[in-house]
C-alpha atoms as a PDB file:
ATOM      1  CA  MET A   1      -9.379   8.847 -18.191  1.00  0.00           C
ATOM      2  CA  GLU A   2      -8.266   7.164 -14.828  1.00  0.00           C
ATOM      3  CA  VAL A   3      -9.732   8.085 -11.556  1.00  0.00           C
ATOM      4  CA  ILE A   4      -7.612   7.138  -8.657  1.00  0.00           C
ATOM      5  CA  PRO A   5      -9.005   7.222  -5.127  1.00  0.00           C
ATOM      6  CA  VAL A   6      -6.662   8.802  -2.279  1.00  0.00           C
ATOM      7  CA  ILE A   7      -6.081   7.697   1.117  1.00  0.00           C
ATOM      8  CA  ASP A   8      -4.024  10.301   3.265  1.00  0.00           C
ATOM      9  CA  LEU A   9      -2.660   8.422   6.300  1.00  0.00           C
ATOM     10  CA  LYS A  10      -1.868  10.079   9.501  1.00  0.00           C
ATOM     11  CA  GLY A  11      -1.855   8.358  12.990  1.00  0.00           C
ATOM     12  CA  LYS A  12      -2.552   4.765  11.334  1.00  0.00           C
ATOM     13  CA  GLN A  13      -5.886   6.609  10.181  1.00  0.00           C
ATOM     14  CA  VAL A  14      -7.445   7.765   7.008  1.00  0.00           C
ATOM     15  CA  VAL A  15      -7.984  11.465   7.585  1.00  0.00           C
ATOM     16  CA  ARG A  16      -9.627  14.070   5.536  1.00  0.00           C
ATOM     17  CA  ALA A  17      -7.374  16.414   3.798  1.00  0.00           C
ATOM     18  CA  LYS A  18      -8.291  19.893   3.171  1.00  0.00           C
ATOM     19  CA  MET A  19      -6.253  22.522   1.534  1.00  0.00           C
ATOM     20  CA  GLY A  20      -3.035  21.208   2.705  1.00  0.00           C
ATOM     21  CA  GLU A  21      -3.195  22.342   6.148  1.00  0.00           C
ATOM     22  CA  ARG A  22      -2.095  18.924   7.578  1.00  0.00           C
ATOM     23  CA  GLN A  23      -1.996  20.030  11.260  1.00  0.00           C
ATOM     24  CA  PHE A  24      -5.856  20.227  11.023  1.00  0.00           C
ATOM     25  CA  TYR A  25      -6.611  16.999   9.298  1.00  0.00           C
ATOM     26  CA  ALA A  26      -8.989  14.993  11.336  1.00  0.00           C
ATOM     27  CA  PRO A  27      -9.884  11.263  11.096  1.00  0.00           C
ATOM     28  CA  LEU A  28     -12.212  10.774   8.075  1.00  0.00           C
ATOM     29  CA  VAL A  29     -15.891  10.282   8.155  1.00  0.00           C
ATOM     30  CA  THR A  30     -17.510   8.926   5.127  1.00  0.00           C
ATOM     31  CA  PRO A  31     -20.777   7.147   4.088  1.00  0.00           C
ATOM     32  CA  LEU A  32     -18.387   4.713   2.350  1.00  0.00           C
ATOM     33  CA  ALA A  33     -16.804   3.151   5.301  1.00  0.00           C
ATOM     34  CA  ALA A  34     -17.711   2.375   9.064  1.00  0.00           C
ATOM     35  CA  THR A  35     -14.437   3.668  10.478  1.00  0.00           C
ATOM     36  CA  SER A  36     -11.624   5.520   9.295  1.00  0.00           C
ATOM     37  CA  ALA A  37      -9.152   2.596   9.267  1.00  0.00           C
ATOM     38  CA  PRO A  38      -7.429   2.202   5.870  1.00  0.00           C
ATOM     39  CA  ARG A  39      -8.643  -1.260   4.967  1.00  0.00           C
ATOM     40  CA  ASP A  40     -12.286  -0.107   5.504  1.00  0.00           C
ATOM     41  CA  VAL A  41     -11.893   3.111   3.551  1.00  0.00           C
ATOM     42  CA  ILE A  42     -10.452   1.109   0.510  1.00  0.00           C
ATOM     43  CA  GLN A  43     -13.174  -1.427   0.815  1.00  0.00           C
ATOM     44  CA  GLY A  44     -15.658   1.401   0.552  1.00  0.00           C
ATOM     45  CA  PHE A  45     -14.017   2.746  -2.435  1.00  0.00           C
ATOM     46  CA  LEU A  46     -14.290  -0.410  -4.020  1.00  0.00           C
ATOM     47  CA  SER A  47     -18.000  -0.815  -3.392  1.00  0.00           C
ATOM     48  CA  GLU A  48     -18.594   2.080  -5.400  1.00  0.00           C
ATOM     49  CA  HIS A  49     -16.232   1.035  -8.383  1.00  0.00           C
ATOM     50  CA  PRO A  50     -13.746  -1.477  -9.539  1.00  0.00           C
ATOM     51  CA  PHE A  51     -10.742   0.847  -9.207  1.00  0.00           C
ATOM     52  CA  GLU A  52      -7.288  -0.458 -10.204  1.00  0.00           C
ATOM     53  CA  THR A  53      -5.126   2.112  -8.510  1.00  0.00           C
ATOM     54  CA  ILE A  54      -4.850   3.590  -5.000  1.00  0.00           C
ATOM     55  CA  TYR A  55      -2.750   6.763  -4.104  1.00  0.00           C
ATOM     56  CA  ALA A  56      -1.608   6.686  -0.502  1.00  0.00           C
ATOM     57  CA  ALA A  57       0.260   9.675   1.013  1.00  0.00           C
ATOM     58  CA  ASP A  58       2.094   8.792   4.250  1.00  0.00           C
ATOM     59  CA  LEU A  59       1.776  12.092   6.059  1.00  0.00           C
ATOM     60  CA  ASP A  60       3.604  11.030   9.109  1.00  0.00           C
ATOM     61  CA  ALA A  61       6.590   9.973   6.757  1.00  0.00           C
ATOM     62  CA  ILE A  62       6.161  13.335   4.887  1.00  0.00           C
ATOM     63  CA  GLU A  63       6.433  15.270   8.004  1.00  0.00           C
ATOM     64  CA  GLY A  64       9.487  13.288   9.018  1.00  0.00           C
ATOM     65  CA  GLN A  65       7.622  11.420  11.699  1.00  0.00           C
ATOM     66  CA  ALA A  66       7.034   7.467  12.066  1.00  0.00           C
ATOM     67  CA  SER A  67       5.967   5.982   8.658  1.00  0.00           C
ATOM     68  CA  HIS A  68       3.148   3.607   7.828  1.00  0.00           C
ATOM     69  CA  GLU A  69       5.353   0.908   5.994  1.00  0.00           C
ATOM     70  CA  VAL A  70       3.797  -1.745   7.851  1.00  0.00           C
ATOM     71  CA  THR A  71       0.337  -0.481   7.286  1.00  0.00           C
ATOM     72  CA  LEU A  72       0.888  -0.321   3.469  1.00  0.00           C
ATOM     73  CA  ALA A  73       2.557  -3.716   3.327  1.00  0.00           C
ATOM     74  CA  GLU A  74      -0.725  -5.098   5.011  1.00  0.00           C
ATOM     75  CA  LEU A  75      -2.721  -3.235   2.454  1.00  0.00           C
ATOM     76  CA  GLN A  76      -1.078  -4.665  -0.374  1.00  0.00           C
ATOM     77  CA  ALA A  77      -1.600  -8.078   1.105  1.00  0.00           C
ATOM     78  CA  LEU A  78      -5.017  -7.472   1.386  1.00  0.00           C
ATOM     79  CA  PHE A  79      -5.638  -6.050  -1.906  1.00  0.00           C
ATOM     80  CA  PRO A  80      -3.257  -7.822  -4.222  1.00  0.00           C
ATOM     81  CA  HIS A  81      -5.073  -6.856  -7.268  1.00  0.00           C
ATOM     82  CA  LEU A  82      -4.642  -3.013  -6.564  1.00  0.00           C
ATOM     83  CA  THR A  83      -1.572  -1.110  -7.700  1.00  0.00           C
ATOM     84  CA  PHE A  84      -0.599   1.312  -5.036  1.00  0.00           C
ATOM     85  CA  TRP A  85       1.018   4.675  -5.572  1.00  0.00           C
ATOM     86  CA  VAL A  86       2.917   5.776  -2.520  1.00  0.00           C
ATOM     87  CA  ASP A  87       4.300   8.991  -1.220  1.00  0.00           C
ATOM     88  CA  ALA A  88       6.434   8.103   1.507  1.00  0.00           C
ATOM     89  CA  GLY A  89       8.251  11.682   1.916  1.00  0.00           C
ATOM     90  CA  VAL A  90      11.189  10.338   0.263  1.00  0.00           C
ATOM     91  CA  ARG A  91      14.154  13.025   0.272  1.00  0.00           C
ATOM     92  CA  THR A  92      17.250  11.508  -1.245  1.00  0.00           C
ATOM     93  CA  LEU A  93      18.305   9.304  -4.206  1.00  0.00           C
ATOM     94  CA  SER A  94      19.649   6.743  -1.591  1.00  0.00           C
ATOM     95  CA  GLU A  95      16.038   6.785   0.191  1.00  0.00           C
ATOM     96  CA  ALA A  96      14.644   6.418  -3.199  1.00  0.00           C
ATOM     97  CA  GLN A  97      16.780   3.636  -4.130  1.00  0.00           C
ATOM     98  CA  ILE A  98      16.281   1.623  -0.865  1.00  0.00           C
ATOM     99  CA  TRP A  99      12.339   2.165  -1.064  1.00  0.00           C
ATOM    100  CA  LEU A 100      12.339   0.733  -4.577  1.00  0.00           C
ATOM    101  CA  ALA A 101      14.260  -2.361  -3.713  1.00  0.00           C
ATOM    102  CA  GLN A 102      12.202  -2.986  -0.526  1.00  0.00           C
ATOM    103  CA  ASN A 103       8.804  -2.641  -2.127  1.00  0.00           C
ATOM    104  CA  LYS A 104       6.718  -3.450  -5.003  1.00  0.00           C
ATOM    105  CA  ALA A 105       4.349  -0.518  -5.127  1.00  0.00           C
ATOM    106  CA  HIS A 106       5.049   2.577  -7.403  1.00  0.00           C
ATOM    107  CA  LEU A 107       6.789   5.482  -5.685  1.00  0.00           C
ATOM    108  CA  VAL A 108       5.503   8.907  -5.788  1.00  0.00           C
ATOM    109  CA  ILE A 109       8.245  11.665  -4.997  1.00  0.00           C
ATOM    110  CA  GLY A 110       6.851  14.755  -3.938  1.00  0.00           C
ATOM    111  CA  SER A 111       8.906  18.023  -5.144  1.00  0.00           C
ATOM    112  CA  GLU A 112       8.008  19.571  -1.812  1.00  0.00           C
ATOM    113  CA  SER A 113       9.910  16.797  -0.070  1.00  0.00           C
ATOM    114  CA  PHE A 114      13.083  15.960  -2.405  1.00  0.00           C
ATOM    115  CA  GLU A 115      16.220  17.771  -1.917  1.00  0.00           C
ATOM    116  CA  ASP A 116      18.367  17.149  -4.869  1.00  0.00           C
ATOM    117  CA  ALA A 117      17.004  17.673  -8.307  1.00  0.00           C
ATOM    118  CA  ALA A 118      20.112  16.695 -10.190  1.00  0.00           C
ATOM    119  CA  ALA A 119      19.547  13.201  -8.612  1.00  0.00           C
ATOM    120  CA  PHE A 120      16.395  12.912 -10.352  1.00  0.00           C
ATOM    121  CA  GLU A 121      18.315  11.745 -13.424  1.00  0.00           C
ATOM    122  CA  MET A 122      19.085   8.436 -11.777  1.00  0.00           C
ATOM    123  CA  LEU A 123      15.363   8.032 -10.977  1.00  0.00           C
ATOM    124  CA  ARG A 124      13.486   9.158 -14.063  1.00  0.00           C
ATOM    125  CA  ASP A 125      13.710   5.961 -16.058  1.00  0.00           C
ATOM    126  CA  ASP A 126      12.325   3.856 -13.657  1.00  0.00           C
ATOM    127  CA  PRO A 127       8.831   2.432 -14.656  1.00  0.00           C
ATOM    128  CA  ARG A 128       7.731   2.652 -10.866  1.00  0.00           C
ATOM    129  CA  ILE A 129       8.748   6.276 -10.520  1.00  0.00           C
ATOM    130  CA  ILE A 130       6.154   9.098 -10.410  1.00  0.00           C
ATOM    131  CA  LEU A 131       6.991  12.824  -9.781  1.00  0.00           C
ATOM    132  CA  SER A 132       4.401  14.973  -8.081  1.00  0.00           C
ATOM    133  CA  LEU A 133       4.859  18.706  -9.000  1.00  0.00           C
ATOM    134  CA  ASP A 134       3.573  20.385  -5.770  1.00  0.00           C
ATOM    135  CA  PHE A 135       2.273  23.804  -5.472  1.00  0.00           C
ATOM    136  CA  ARG A 136       0.897  25.898  -2.713  1.00  0.00           C
ATOM    137  CA  GLY A 137      -1.219  28.889  -4.276  1.00  0.00           C
ATOM    138  CA  GLU A 138       1.405  30.169  -6.952  1.00  0.00           C
ATOM    139  CA  THR A 139       4.403  28.965  -5.196  1.00  0.00           C
ATOM    140  CA  PHE A 140       6.058  25.709  -6.476  1.00  0.00           C
ATOM    141  CA  LEU A 141       7.418  23.693  -3.552  1.00  0.00           C
ATOM    142  CA  GLY A 142      10.743  22.099  -3.787  1.00  0.00           C
ATOM    143  CA  PRO A 143      13.940  22.472  -5.936  1.00  0.00           C
ATOM    144  CA  ARG A 144      13.165  24.975  -8.969  1.00  0.00           C
ATOM    145  CA  ALA A 145      14.958  22.627 -11.485  1.00  0.00           C
ATOM    146  CA  LEU A 146      12.333  19.929 -11.018  1.00  0.00           C
ATOM    147  CA  LEU A 147       9.724  22.102 -12.428  1.00  0.00           C
ATOM    148  CA  ASP A 148      11.879  24.059 -15.129  1.00  0.00           C
ATOM    149  CA  ASP A 149      13.755  21.188 -16.455  1.00  0.00           C
ATOM    150  CA  GLU A 150      11.561  18.722 -18.177  1.00  0.00           C
ATOM    151  CA  ARG A 151      14.479  16.510 -18.992  1.00  0.00           C
ATOM    152  CA  LEU A 152      14.522  15.415 -15.373  1.00  0.00           C
ATOM    153  CA  TRP A 153      10.647  14.307 -15.606  1.00  0.00           C
ATOM    154  CA  PRO A 154       9.705  10.635 -15.604  1.00  0.00           C
ATOM    155  CA  GLN A 155       6.902   9.245 -17.699  1.00  0.00           C
ATOM    156  CA  ARG A 156       4.359  10.166 -15.325  1.00  0.00           C
ATOM    157  CA  LEU A 157       3.912  13.413 -13.395  1.00  0.00           C
ATOM    158  CA  ILE A 158       1.121  14.596 -10.899  1.00  0.00           C
ATOM    159  CA  VAL A 159       0.401  18.343 -10.961  1.00  0.00           C
ATOM    160  CA  MET A 160      -0.735  18.793  -7.161  1.00  0.00           C
ATOM    161  CA  THR A 161      -2.289  21.972  -6.097  1.00  0.00           C
ATOM    162  CA  LEU A 162      -2.339  21.364  -2.392  1.00  0.00           C
ATOM    163  CA  SER A 163      -4.571  24.804  -1.637  1.00  0.00           C
ATOM    164  CA  ARG A 164      -7.266  23.085  -3.703  1.00  0.00           C
ATOM    165  CA  VAL A 165      -7.271  19.651  -1.917  1.00  0.00           C
ATOM    166  CA  GLY A 166     -10.713  19.055  -0.251  1.00  0.00           C
ATOM    167  CA  SER A 167     -12.030  22.482  -1.592  1.00  0.00           C
ATOM    168  CA  ASP A 168     -14.661  23.241  -3.959  1.00  0.00           C
ATOM    169  CA  ALA A 169     -12.437  25.548  -6.195  1.00  0.00           C
ATOM    170  CA  GLY A 170     -12.116  23.208  -8.821  1.00  0.00           C
ATOM    171  CA  PRO A 171      -9.059  21.625 -10.557  1.00  0.00           C
ATOM    172  CA  ASP A 172      -6.266  24.118 -11.558  1.00  0.00           C
ATOM    173  CA  ILE A 173      -6.771  23.782 -15.375  1.00  0.00           C
ATOM    174  CA  GLU A 174      -4.303  26.481 -16.515  1.00  0.00           C
ATOM    175  CA  ARG A 175      -1.485  25.091 -14.429  1.00  0.00           C
ATOM    176  CA  LEU A 176      -2.185  21.525 -15.886  1.00  0.00           C
ATOM    177  CA  GLN A 177      -2.299  22.727 -19.330  1.00  0.00           C
ATOM    178  CA  SER A 178       1.256  24.461 -18.798  1.00  0.00           C
ATOM    179  CA  VAL A 179       2.878  21.315 -17.731  1.00  0.00           C
ATOM    180  CA  LEU A 180       1.010  19.141 -20.480  1.00  0.00           C
ATOM    181  CA  LYS A 181       2.692  21.646 -23.060  1.00  0.00           C
ATOM    182  CA  ARG A 182       5.980  20.717 -22.185  1.00  0.00           C
ATOM    183  CA  ALA A 183       5.393  16.984 -21.438  1.00  0.00           C
ATOM    184  CA  GLY A 184       5.435  15.347 -24.560  1.00  0.00           C
ATOM    185  CA  SER A 185       3.993  11.803 -24.372  1.00  0.00           C
ATOM    186  CA  ARG A 186       4.243  11.814 -20.635  1.00  0.00           C
ATOM    187  CA  LYS A 187       1.139  11.050 -18.535  1.00  0.00           C
ATOM    188  CA  ILE A 188      -0.104  13.987 -16.424  1.00  0.00           C
ATOM    189  CA  TYR A 189      -2.424  13.486 -13.677  1.00  0.00           C
ATOM    190  CA  ALA A 190      -4.272  16.169 -11.852  1.00  0.00           C
ATOM    191  CA  ALA A 191      -4.790  16.544  -7.883  1.00  0.00           C
ATOM    192  CA  GLY A 192      -6.772  19.006  -5.877  1.00  0.00           C
ATOM    193  CA  GLY A 193      -9.976  20.696  -6.276  1.00  0.00           C
ATOM    194  CA  LEU A 194     -12.197  18.059  -8.230  1.00  0.00           C
ATOM    195  CA  ARG A 195     -15.903  19.010  -7.652  1.00  0.00           C
ATOM    196  CA  GLY A 196     -17.664  16.293  -9.399  1.00  0.00           C
ATOM    197  CA  LYS A 197     -18.502  14.751 -13.072  1.00  0.00           C
ATOM    198  CA  GLY A 198     -18.342  18.182 -14.777  1.00  0.00           C
ATOM    199  CA  ASP A 199     -14.681  18.513 -13.726  1.00  0.00           C
ATOM    200  CA  LEU A 200     -13.862  15.071 -14.953  1.00  0.00           C
ATOM    201  CA  GLY A 201     -15.090  16.279 -18.455  1.00  0.00           C
ATOM    202  CA  LEU A 202     -12.900  19.271 -18.198  1.00  0.00           C
ATOM    203  CA  LEU A 203      -9.788  17.524 -17.214  1.00  0.00           C
ATOM    204  CA  GLN A 204     -10.223  15.091 -20.171  1.00  0.00           C
ATOM    205  CA  ALA A 205     -10.831  17.677 -22.660  1.00  0.00           C
ATOM    206  CA  ALA A 206      -7.518  19.318 -21.365  1.00  0.00           C
ATOM    207  CA  GLY A 207      -5.429  16.010 -21.895  1.00  0.00           C
ATOM    208  CA  ALA A 208      -5.063  14.822 -18.472  1.00  0.00           C
ATOM    209  CA  ALA A 209      -4.412  11.113 -18.179  1.00  0.00           C
ATOM    210  CA  GLY A 210      -6.083  10.956 -14.810  1.00  0.00           C
ATOM    211  CA  VAL A 211      -7.240  12.505 -11.584  1.00  0.00           C
ATOM    212  CA  LEU A 212      -6.702  11.877  -7.890  1.00  0.00           C
ATOM    213  CA  VAL A 213      -9.913  12.239  -5.851  1.00  0.00           C
ATOM    214  CA  ALA A 214     -11.066  11.645  -2.345  1.00  0.00           C
ATOM    215  CA  SER A 215     -13.724  14.383  -1.134  1.00  0.00           C
ATOM    216  CA  ALA A 216     -15.863  13.995  -4.198  1.00  0.00           C
ATOM    217  CA  LEU A 217     -16.279  10.431  -3.625  1.00  0.00           C
ATOM    218  CA  HIS A 218     -16.762  10.925   0.090  1.00  0.00           C
ATOM    219  CA  ASP A 219     -19.283  13.343  -0.254  1.00  0.00           C
ATOM    220  CA  GLY A 220     -21.341  11.670  -3.085  1.00  0.00           C
ATOM    221  CA  ARG A 221     -20.733  14.162  -5.625  1.00  0.00           C
ATOM    222  CA  LEU A 222     -18.948  11.681  -7.862  1.00  0.00           C
ATOM    223  CA  GLY A 223     -20.975   8.374  -7.831  1.00  0.00           C
ATOM    224  CA  SER A 224     -20.736   5.090  -9.653  1.00  0.00           C
ATOM    225  CA  ALA A 225     -22.519   6.127 -12.834  1.00  0.00           C
ATOM    226  CA  ASP A 226     -20.213   8.985 -13.056  1.00  0.00           C
ATOM    227  CA  LEU A 227     -17.117   6.861 -12.537  1.00  0.00           C
ATOM    228  CA  VAL A 228     -18.313   4.297 -15.110  1.00  0.00           C
ATOM    229  CA  GLN A 229     -18.862   6.991 -17.673  1.00  0.00           C
ATOM    230  CA  ALA A 230     -15.534   8.534 -17.135  1.00  0.00           C
ATOM    231  CA  THR A 231     -13.316   5.651 -17.418  1.00  0.00           C
END
């Protein structure tokens, strides 16, 4: 199973995400890095494990403010061996197409941001597209067809439970399984609530292809030995 570290970008810093309440996110303090600068945090992750992929959420872009496009380009140049998954708050088909043409990274499209479910037919077959099915509690965020019509789904999906991000609630196994039952051969990644090694086992047993993680790494609840064993 693939473990993918997360950096949440706000104001050119990595912030500590907690339960999707973005107005309260503060600059990250972690034993893995001396500062909350994105390059330092990524280097801290790599000191723990030879990760191959980094997930970057551009929170400013998601909230319709200034983007971290320059910062992300710099990170890709600094860490050319890494694959970046980027949620850039893309809202329309044209925005997605422009982004893909201008970037080498993989584009995560969050259902909470995307406005036109039907337009996803034009994106689903692109190998660099990842759809994030976003939930807050029991509420699906975004056009309902993105959840209900699996014909729109690309080959990789994230099941994102925002209310569990940065919490000790554990991953939403039931929701993950409900998506897996409909996903066929698609790869499904869990996001939100990972507590530590035990949850990796639960997700692997459920059939998840991978998991996005941040807090468990920064808090030391998921260490080098756990990562080697899981991956």
